[in-house]
Each structure stands twice: as structure tokens, then as C-alpha cells.
Amino acid sequence: MSDRWRMAKEARAAEVGYRCEICGRSDCRIIGHHLISRQKGSAYEVPELCEWRDEDCEREMHERYPGGNGERQKKRIQAYMAIRG
């Protein structure tokens, strides 16, 4: 894990806390999920494109949405891209 990704995850946790952003649980292992694939460049290293998920929600999101992102996540990506141009 890069230091930049670690810093992005910590910044996101400061915004939302150490809880799953899908179901709200905090009594489990929480994973920092990339809303944009790591292969698409440095955009994955910013807090706005990190989402905290518990292991069950992470697995379910990847099963339900092959790209790993539902509509709410896609809106966050679009909003970030519109701001960043």
C-alpha cells in the first residue's frame, strides 16, 4: 500500500469515521475501497474516491456490481471528476 493511499484512507476516516459507508457497521474489519481502479492513475489516492466498507458489504458490492460501485458511488465519482475537470 502506498503512503499516499494510506493518507487518503485516513483522511476519509476522519470525514466518516471508521464505519462501513454501506451499512453503517463499525464492529467489524473495515476496508478502504477504491472507487476508481488503481490502474487508472493517481485519482485513487484521494479521500473523495475512497469508501470504507466492511468485508461483507465489499463482497456484496463486487457481486452485485461487477465494477464494485453502485449508483451512489458513481455519483460521488462524477462529482469529483466534475470538480477536478
PDB file of N, CA and C in Angstrom:
ATOM      1  N   MET A   1       0.839  -1.168   0.000  1.00  0.00           N
ATOM      2  CA  MET A   1       0.000   0.000   0.000  1.00  0.00           C
ATOM      3  C   MET A   1       0.888   1.236   0.000  1.00  0.00           C
ATOM      4  N   SER A   2       0.553   2.163  -0.870  1.00  0.00           N
ATOM      5  CA  SER A   2       1.368   3.375  -0.943  1.00  0.00           C
ATOM      6  C   SER A   2       1.066   4.286   0.241  1.00  0.00           C
ATOM      7  N   ASP A   3       2.016   5.123   0.570  1.00  0.00           N
ATOM      8  CA  ASP A   3       1.801   6.101   1.637  1.00  0.00           C
ATOM      9  C   ASP A   3       0.671   7.059   1.267  1.00  0.00           C
ATOM     10  N   ARG A   4       0.557   7.391  -0.007  1.00  0.00           N
ATOM     11  CA  ARG A   4      -0.497   8.310  -0.444  1.00  0.00           C
ATOM     12  C   ARG A   4      -1.879   7.682  -0.271  1.00  0.00           C
ATOM     13  N   TRP A   5      -2.004   6.389  -0.561  1.00  0.00           N
ATOM     14  CA  TRP A   5      -3.290   5.706  -0.369  1.00  0.00           C
ATOM     15  C   TRP A   5      -3.591   5.592   1.123  1.00  0.00           C
ATOM     16  N   ARG A   6      -2.606   5.308   1.929  1.00  0.00           N
ATOM     17  CA  ARG A   6      -2.800   5.238   3.381  1.00  0.00           C
ATOM     18  C   ARG A   6      -3.281   6.597   3.908  1.00  0.00           C
ATOM     19  N   MET A   7      -2.681   7.666   3.433  1.00  0.00           N
ATOM     20  CA  MET A   7      -3.082   9.003   3.864  1.00  0.00           C
ATOM     21  C   MET A   7      -4.508   9.324   3.396  1.00  0.00           C
ATOM     22  N   ALA A   8      -4.867   8.913   2.175  1.00  0.00           N
ATOM     23  CA  ALA A   8      -6.228   9.133   1.660  1.00  0.00           C
ATOM     24  C   ALA A   8      -7.239   8.380   2.518  1.00  0.00           C
ATOM     25  N   LYS A   9      -6.908   7.160   2.892  1.00  0.00           N
ATOM     26  CA  LYS A   9      -7.819   6.376   3.736  1.00  0.00           C
ATOM     27  C   LYS A   9      -7.992   7.021   5.101  1.00  0.00           C
ATOM     28  N   GLU A  10      -6.920   7.502   5.673  1.00  0.00           N
ATOM     29  CA  GLU A  10      -7.007   8.157   6.987  1.00  0.00           C
ATOM     30  C   GLU A  10      -7.827   9.442   6.901  1.00  0.00           C
ATOM     31  N   ALA A  11      -7.656  10.192   5.824  1.00  0.00           N
ATOM     32  CA  ALA A  11      -8.435  11.420   5.645  1.00  0.00           C
ATOM     33  C   ALA A  11      -9.922  11.090   5.495  1.00  0.00           C
ATOM     34  N   ARG A  12     -10.233  10.035   4.759  1.00  0.00           N
ATOM     35  CA  ARG A  12     -11.633   9.628   4.594  1.00  0.00           C
ATOM     36  C   ARG A  12     -12.205   9.181   5.940  1.00  0.00           C
ATOM     37  N   ALA A  13     -11.425   8.443   6.712  1.00  0.00           N
ATOM     38  CA  ALA A  13     -11.883   8.002   8.030  1.00  0.00           C
ATOM     39  C   ALA A  13     -12.164   9.197   8.934  1.00  0.00           C
ATOM     40  N   ALA A  14     -11.375  10.252   8.812  1.00  0.00           N
ATOM     41  CA  ALA A  14     -11.615  11.451   9.611  1.00  0.00           C
ATOM     42  C   ALA A  14     -12.948  12.089   9.231  1.00  0.00           C
ATOM     43  N   GLU A  15     -13.347  11.949   7.961  1.00  0.00           N
ATOM     44  CA  GLU A  15     -14.618  12.508   7.499  1.00  0.00           C
ATOM     45  C   GLU A  15     -15.810  11.683   7.957  1.00  0.00           C
ATOM     46  N   VAL A  16     -15.710  10.360   7.839  1.00  0.00           N
ATOM     47  CA  VAL A  16     -16.879   9.498   8.064  1.00  0.00           C
ATOM     48  C   VAL A  16     -16.738   8.589   9.282  1.00  0.00           C
ATOM     49  N   GLY A  17     -15.568   8.535   9.860  1.00  0.00           N
ATOM     50  CA  GLY A  17     -15.337   7.614  10.970  1.00  0.00           C
ATOM     51  C   GLY A  17     -14.962   6.236  10.458  1.00  0.00           C
ATOM     52  N   TYR A  18     -14.564   5.384  11.361  1.00  0.00           N
ATOM     53  CA  TYR A  18     -14.201   4.012  10.983  1.00  0.00           C
ATOM     54  C   TYR A  18     -15.458   3.163  11.026  1.00  0.00           C
ATOM     55  N   ARG A  19     -16.297   3.339  10.014  1.00  0.00           N
ATOM     56  CA  ARG A  19     -17.527   2.570   9.908  1.00  0.00           C
ATOM     57  C   ARG A  19     -17.793   2.302   8.432  1.00  0.00           C
ATOM     58  N   CYS A  20     -18.573   1.286   8.167  1.00  0.00           N
ATOM     59  CA  CYS A  20     -18.929   0.945   6.795  1.00  0.00           C
ATOM     60  C   CYS A  20     -19.860   2.020   6.245  1.00  0.00           C
ATOM     61  N   GLU A  21     -19.539   2.545   5.083  1.00  0.00           N
ATOM     62  CA  GLU A  21     -20.375   3.573   4.463  1.00  0.00           C
ATOM     63  C   GLU A  21     -21.585   2.982   3.747  1.00  0.00           C
ATOM     64  N   ILE A  22     -21.651   1.662   3.670  1.00  0.00           N
ATOM     65  CA  ILE A  22     -22.793   0.999   3.052  1.00  0.00           C
ATOM     66  C   ILE A  22     -23.842   0.679   4.118  1.00  0.00           C
ATOM     67  N   CYS A  23     -23.439  -0.019   5.191  1.00  0.00           N
ATOM     68  CA  CYS A  23     -24.399  -0.478   6.204  1.00  0.00           C
ATOM     69  C   CYS A  23     -24.268   0.237   7.545  1.00  0.00           C
ATOM     70  N   GLY A  24     -23.175   0.965   7.759  1.00  0.00           N
ATOM     71  CA  GLY A  24     -23.005   1.710   8.995  1.00  0.00           C
ATOM     72  C   GLY A  24     -22.323   0.960  10.132  1.00  0.00           C
ATOM     73  N   ARG A  25     -21.993  -0.311   9.928  1.00  0.00           N
ATOM     74  CA  ARG A  25     -21.358  -1.092  10.995  1.00  0.00           C
ATOM     75  C   ARG A  25     -19.963  -0.556  11.311  1.00  0.00           C
ATOM     76  N   SER A  26     -19.590  -0.662  12.574  1.00  0.00           N
ATOM     77  CA  SER A  26     -18.239  -0.280  12.984  1.00  0.00           C
ATOM     78  C   SER A  26     -17.591  -1.368  13.834  1.00  0.00           C
ATOM     79  N   ASP A  27     -18.338  -2.431  14.126  1.00  0.00           N
ATOM     80  CA  ASP A  27     -17.849  -3.510  14.977  1.00  0.00           C
ATOM     81  C   ASP A  27     -17.254  -4.654  14.161  1.00  0.00           C
ATOM     82  N   CYS A  28     -16.575  -4.310  13.064  1.00  0.00           N
ATOM     83  CA  CYS A  28     -16.045  -5.325  12.156  1.00  0.00           C
ATOM     84  C   CYS A  28     -14.790  -4.766  11.482  1.00  0.00           C
ATOM     85  N   ARG A  29     -14.167  -5.593  10.669  1.00  0.00           N
ATOM     86  CA  ARG A  29     -12.998  -5.144   9.904  1.00  0.00           C
ATOM     87  C   ARG A  29     -13.476  -4.248   8.778  1.00  0.00           C
ATOM     88  N   ILE A  30     -12.908  -3.045   8.688  1.00  0.00           N
ATOM     89  CA  ILE A  30     -13.296  -2.070   7.674  1.00  0.00           C
ATOM     90  C   ILE A  30     -12.171  -1.973   6.635  1.00  0.00           C
ATOM     91  N   ILE A  31     -12.580  -1.961   5.373  1.00  0.00           N
ATOM     92  CA  ILE A  31     -11.646  -1.953   4.251  1.00  0.00           C
ATOM     93  C   ILE A  31     -11.787  -0.634   3.496  1.00  0.00           C
ATOM     94  N   GLY A  32     -10.688  -0.042   3.106  1.00  0.00           N
ATOM     95  CA  GLY A  32     -10.721   1.133   2.239  1.00  0.00           C
ATOM     96  C   GLY A  32     -10.852   0.665   0.799  1.00  0.00           C
ATOM     97  N   HIS A  33     -11.964   0.993   0.161  1.00  0.00           N
ATOM     98  CA  HIS A  33     -12.241   0.564  -1.211  1.00  0.00           C
ATOM     99  C   HIS A  33     -11.956   1.709  -2.173  1.00  0.00           C
ATOM    100  N   HIS A  34     -11.275   1.405  -3.280  1.00  0.00           N
ATOM    101  CA  HIS A  34     -11.020   2.393  -4.334  1.00  0.00           C
ATOM    102  C   HIS A  34     -12.280   2.550  -5.170  1.00  0.00           C
ATOM    103  N   LEU A  35     -12.825   3.754  -5.283  1.00  0.00           N
ATOM    104  CA  LEU A  35     -13.968   3.967  -6.163  1.00  0.00           C
ATOM    105  C   LEU A  35     -13.540   4.025  -7.627  1.00  0.00           C
ATOM    106  N   ILE A  36     -12.286   4.326  -7.859  1.00  0.00           N
ATOM    107  CA  ILE A  36     -11.716   4.273  -9.208  1.00  0.00           C
ATOM    108  C   ILE A  36     -10.564   3.273  -9.159  1.00  0.00           C
ATOM    109  N   SER A  37     -10.501   2.425 -10.147  1.00  0.00           N
ATOM    110  CA  SER A  37      -9.481   1.387 -10.194  1.00  0.00           C
ATOM    111  C   SER A  37      -8.077   1.945 -10.020  1.00  0.00           C
ATOM    112  N   ARG A  38      -7.255   1.209  -9.315  1.00  0.00           N
ATOM    113  CA  ARG A  38      -5.867   1.619  -9.101  1.00  0.00           C
ATOM    114  C   ARG A  38      -5.118   1.748 -10.427  1.00  0.00           C
ATOM    115  N   GLN A  39      -5.543   1.019 -11.439  1.00  0.00           N
ATOM    116  CA  GLN A  39      -4.868   1.077 -12.738  1.00  0.00           C
ATOM    117  C   GLN A  39      -5.138   2.383 -13.478  1.00  0.00           C
ATOM    118  N   LYS A  40      -6.090   3.188 -13.008  1.00  0.00           N
ATOM    119  CA  LYS A  40      -6.462   4.409 -13.728  1.00  0.00           C
ATOM    120  C   LYS A  40      -5.715   5.635 -13.254  1.00  0.00           C
ATOM    121  N   GLY A  41      -4.630   5.464 -12.540  1.00  0.00           N
ATOM    122  CA  GLY A  41      -3.814   6.601 -12.175  1.00  0.00           C
ATOM    123  C   GLY A  41      -3.972   7.034 -10.733  1.00  0.00           C
ATOM    124  N   SER A  42      -3.469   8.226 -10.446  1.00  0.00           N
ATOM    125  CA  SER A  42      -3.366   8.692  -9.068  1.00  0.00           C
ATOM    126  C   SER A  42      -4.692   9.125  -8.462  1.00  0.00           C
ATOM    127  N   ALA A  43      -5.783   9.146  -9.233  1.00  0.00           N
ATOM    128  CA  ALA A  43      -7.072   9.567  -8.683  1.00  0.00           C
ATOM    129  C   ALA A  43      -7.511   8.666  -7.535  1.00  0.00           C
ATOM    130  N   TYR A  44      -7.011   7.438  -7.482  1.00  0.00           N
ATOM    131  CA  TYR A  44      -7.413   6.530  -6.410  1.00  0.00           C
ATOM    132  C   TYR A  44      -6.792   6.914  -5.081  1.00  0.00           C
ATOM    133  N   GLU A  45      -5.919   7.881  -5.071  1.00  0.00           N
ATOM    134  CA  GLU A  45      -5.214   8.253  -3.839  1.00  0.00           C
ATOM    135  C   GLU A  45      -5.834   9.449  -3.132  1.00  0.00           C
ATOM    136  N   VAL A  46      -7.038   9.833  -3.500  1.00  0.00           N
ATOM    137  CA  VAL A  46      -7.673  10.984  -2.867  1.00  0.00           C
ATOM    138  C   VAL A  46      -8.834  10.526  -1.991  1.00  0.00           C
ATOM    139  N   PRO A  47      -9.049  11.183  -0.854  1.00  0.00           N
ATOM    140  CA  PRO A  47     -10.090  10.756   0.080  1.00  0.00           C
ATOM    141  C   PRO A  47     -11.486  10.687  -0.528  1.00  0.00           C
ATOM    142  N   GLU A  48     -11.802  11.599  -1.439  1.00  0.00           N
ATOM    143  CA  GLU A  48     -13.141  11.609  -2.044  1.00  0.00           C
ATOM    144  C   GLU A  48     -13.436  10.329  -2.813  1.00  0.00           C
ATOM    145  N   LEU A  49     -12.395   9.626  -3.227  1.00  0.00           N
ATOM    146  CA  LEU A  49     -12.585   8.410  -4.012  1.00  0.00           C
ATOM    147  C   LEU A  49     -12.265   7.148  -3.227  1.00  0.00           C
ATOM    148  N   CYS A  50     -12.277   7.272  -1.912  1.00  0.00           N
ATOM    149  CA  CYS A  50     -12.122   6.132  -1.020  1.00  0.00           C
ATOM    150  C   CYS A  50     -13.458   5.918  -0.324  1.00  0.00           C
ATOM    151  N   GLU A  51     -13.843   4.680  -0.143  1.00  0.00           N
ATOM    152  CA  GLU A  51     -15.060   4.377   0.601  1.00  0.00           C
ATOM    153  C   GLU A  51     -14.748   3.271   1.597  1.00  0.00           C
ATOM    154  N   TRP A  52     -15.169   3.470   2.833  1.00  0.00           N
ATOM    155  CA  TRP A  52     -14.981   2.451   3.864  1.00  0.00           C
ATOM    156  C   TRP A  52     -16.104   1.438   3.766  1.00  0.00           C
ATOM    157  N   ARG A  53     -15.731   0.153   3.722  1.00  0.00           N
ATOM    158  CA  ARG A  53     -16.716  -0.939   3.653  1.00  0.00           C
ATOM    159  C   ARG A  53     -16.285  -2.059   4.584  1.00  0.00           C
ATOM    160  N   ASP A  54     -17.281  -2.731   5.183  1.00  0.00           N
ATOM    161  CA  ASP A  54     -16.918  -3.936   5.922  1.00  0.00           C
ATOM    162  C   ASP A  54     -16.758  -5.062   4.903  1.00  0.00           C
ATOM    163  N   GLU A  55     -16.186  -6.154   5.333  1.00  0.00           N
ATOM    164  CA  GLU A  55     -15.862  -7.238   4.390  1.00  0.00           C
ATOM    165  C   GLU A  55     -17.102  -7.789   3.693  1.00  0.00           C
ATOM    166  N   ASP A  56     -18.228  -7.908   4.414  1.00  0.00           N
ATOM    167  CA  ASP A  56     -19.451  -8.430   3.806  1.00  0.00           C
ATOM    168  C   ASP A  56     -19.986  -7.487   2.726  1.00  0.00           C
ATOM    169  N   CYS A  57     -20.021  -6.198   3.022  1.00  0.00           N
ATOM    170  CA  CYS A  57     -20.502  -5.227   2.028  1.00  0.00           C
ATOM    171  C   CYS A  57     -19.550  -5.136   0.834  1.00  0.00           C
ATOM    172  N   GLU A  58     -18.263  -5.235   1.091  1.00  0.00           N
ATOM    173  CA  GLU A  58     -17.288  -5.217  -0.011  1.00  0.00           C
ATOM    174  C   GLU A  58     -17.558  -6.381  -0.967  1.00  0.00           C
ATOM    175  N   ARG A  59     -17.737  -7.561  -0.411  1.00  0.00           N
ATOM    176  CA  ARG A  59     -18.003  -8.751  -1.233  1.00  0.00           C
ATOM    177  C   ARG A  59     -19.328  -8.600  -1.972  1.00  0.00           C
ATOM    178  N   GLU A  60     -20.369  -8.147  -1.260  1.00  0.00           N
ATOM    179  CA  GLU A  60     -21.680  -7.992  -1.878  1.00  0.00           C
ATOM    180  C   GLU A  60     -21.670  -6.960  -3.001  1.00  0.00           C
ATOM    181  N   MET A  61     -20.992  -5.832  -2.783  1.00  0.00           N
ATOM    182  CA  MET A  61     -20.922  -4.805  -3.832  1.00  0.00           C
ATOM    183  C   MET A  61     -20.227  -5.342  -5.081  1.00  0.00           C
ATOM    184  N   HIS A  62     -19.175  -6.130  -4.903  1.00  0.00           N
ATOM    185  CA  HIS A  62     -18.476  -6.675  -6.068  1.00  0.00           C
ATOM    186  C   HIS A  62     -19.304  -7.747  -6.764  1.00  0.00           C
ATOM    187  N   GLU A  63     -20.125  -8.459  -6.009  1.00  0.00           N
ATOM    188  CA  GLU A  63     -21.009  -9.450  -6.641  1.00  0.00           C
ATOM    189  C   GLU A  63     -22.154  -8.766  -7.369  1.00  0.00           C
ATOM    190  N   ARG A  64     -22.743  -7.763  -6.735  1.00  0.00           N
ATOM    191  CA  ARG A  64     -23.897  -7.068  -7.307  1.00  0.00           C
ATOM    192  C   ARG A  64     -23.502  -6.169  -8.471  1.00  0.00           C
ATOM    193  N   TYR A  65     -22.379  -5.476  -8.328  1.00  0.00           N
ATOM    194  CA  TYR A  65     -21.904  -4.546  -9.353  1.00  0.00           C
ATOM    195  C   TYR A  65     -20.506  -4.995  -9.778  1.00  0.00           C
ATOM    196  N   PRO A  66     -20.352  -5.550 -10.972  1.00  0.00           N
ATOM    197  CA  PRO A  66     -19.037  -6.063 -11.385  1.00  0.00           C
ATOM    198  C   PRO A  66     -17.909  -5.045 -11.244  1.00  0.00           C
ATOM    199  N   GLY A  67     -18.193  -3.752 -11.414  1.00  0.00           N
ATOM    200  CA  GLY A  67     -17.176  -2.728 -11.236  1.00  0.00           C
ATOM    201  C   GLY A  67     -16.975  -2.337  -9.786  1.00  0.00           C
ATOM    202  N   GLY A  68     -17.805  -2.882  -8.892  1.00  0.00           N
ATOM    203  CA  GLY A  68     -17.673  -2.614  -7.472  1.00  0.00           C
ATOM    204  C   GLY A  68     -18.376  -1.362  -6.984  1.00  0.00           C
ATOM    205  N   ASN A  69     -19.055  -0.643  -7.870  1.00  0.00           N
ATOM    206  CA  ASN A  69     -19.687   0.620  -7.491  1.00  0.00           C
ATOM    207  C   ASN A  69     -21.149   0.656  -7.901  1.00  0.00           C
ATOM    208  N   GLY A  70     -22.014   1.007  -6.971  1.00  0.00           N
ATOM    209  CA  GLY A  70     -23.425   1.223  -7.253  1.00  0.00           C
ATOM    210  C   GLY A  70     -23.672   2.663  -7.663  1.00  0.00           C
ATOM    211  N   GLU A  71     -24.917   3.032  -7.761  1.00  0.00           N
ATOM    212  CA  GLU A  71     -25.279   4.380  -8.212  1.00  0.00           C
ATOM    213  C   GLU A  71     -24.752   5.471  -7.286  1.00  0.00           C
ATOM    214  N   ARG A  72     -24.832   5.264  -5.974  1.00  0.00           N
ATOM    215  CA  ARG A  72     -24.359   6.287  -5.034  1.00  0.00           C
ATOM    216  C   ARG A  72     -22.864   6.541  -5.220  1.00  0.00           C
ATOM    217  N   GLN A  73     -22.109   5.477  -5.404  1.00  0.00           N
ATOM    218  CA  GLN A  73     -20.668   5.625  -5.600  1.00  0.00           C
ATOM    219  C   GLN A  73     -20.368   6.292  -6.938  1.00  0.00           C
ATOM    220  N   LYS A  74     -21.113   5.931  -7.966  1.00  0.00           N
ATOM    221  CA  LYS A  74     -20.895   6.549  -9.276  1.00  0.00           C
ATOM    222  C   LYS A  74     -21.157   8.049  -9.226  1.00  0.00           C
ATOM    223  N   LYS A  75     -22.159   8.468  -8.446  1.00  0.00           N
ATOM    224  CA  LYS A  75     -22.437   9.902  -8.302  1.00  0.00           C
ATOM    225  C   LYS A  75     -21.268  10.608  -7.617  1.00  0.00           C
ATOM    226  N   ARG A  76     -20.670   9.966  -6.615  1.00  0.00           N
ATOM    227  CA  ARG A  76     -19.500  10.564  -5.957  1.00  0.00           C
ATOM    228  C   ARG A  76     -18.344  10.700  -6.929  1.00  0.00           C
ATOM    229  N   ILE A  77     -18.137   9.692  -7.763  1.00  0.00           N
ATOM    230  CA  ILE A  77     -17.057   9.732  -8.756  1.00  0.00           C
ATOM    231  C   ILE A  77     -17.315  10.877  -9.741  1.00  0.00           C
ATOM    232  N   GLN A  78     -18.547  10.965 -10.244  1.00  0.00           N
ATOM    233  CA  GLN A  78     -18.887  12.018 -11.205  1.00  0.00           C
ATOM    234  C   GLN A  78     -18.718  13.405 -10.593  1.00  0.00           C
ATOM    235  N   ALA A  79     -19.141  13.573  -9.355  1.00  0.00           N
ATOM    236  CA  ALA A  79     -18.996  14.867  -8.692  1.00  0.00           C
ATOM    237  C   ALA A  79     -17.521  15.228  -8.536  1.00  0.00           C
ATOM    238  N   TYR A  80     -16.707  14.250  -8.152  1.00  0.00           N
ATOM    239  CA  TYR A  80     -15.276  14.506  -8.011  1.00  0.00           C
ATOM    240  C   TYR A  80     -14.663  14.895  -9.355  1.00  0.00           C
ATOM    241  N   MET A  81     -14.997  14.152 -10.397  1.00  0.00           N
ATOM    242  CA  MET A  81     -14.440  14.419 -11.721  1.00  0.00           C
ATOM    243  C   MET A  81     -14.878  15.785 -12.245  1.00  0.00           C
ATOM    244  N   ALA A  82     -16.117  16.184 -11.963  1.00  0.00           N
ATOM    245  CA  ALA A  82     -16.606  17.480 -12.421  1.00  0.00           C
ATOM    246  C   ALA A  82     -15.840  18.621 -11.746  1.00  0.00           C
ATOM    247  N   ILE A  83     -15.545  18.452 -10.478  1.00  0.00           N
ATOM    248  CA  ILE A  83     -14.793  19.475  -9.743  1.00  0.00           C
ATOM    249  C   ILE A  83     -13.349  19.535 -10.228  1.00  0.00           C
ATOM    250  N   ARG A  84     -12.752  18.376 -10.425  1.00  0.00           N
ATOM    251  CA  ARG A  84     -11.342  18.299 -10.803  1.00  0.00           C
ATOM    252  C   ARG A  84     -11.099  18.538 -12.274  1.00  0.00           C
ATOM    253  N   GLY A  85     -12.163  18.410 -13.075  1.00  0.00           N
ATOM    254  CA  GLY A  85     -12.068  18.673 -14.503  1.00  0.00           C
ATOM    255  C   GLY A  85     -11.321  17.658 -15.192  1.00  0.00           C
TER     256      GLY A  85
END
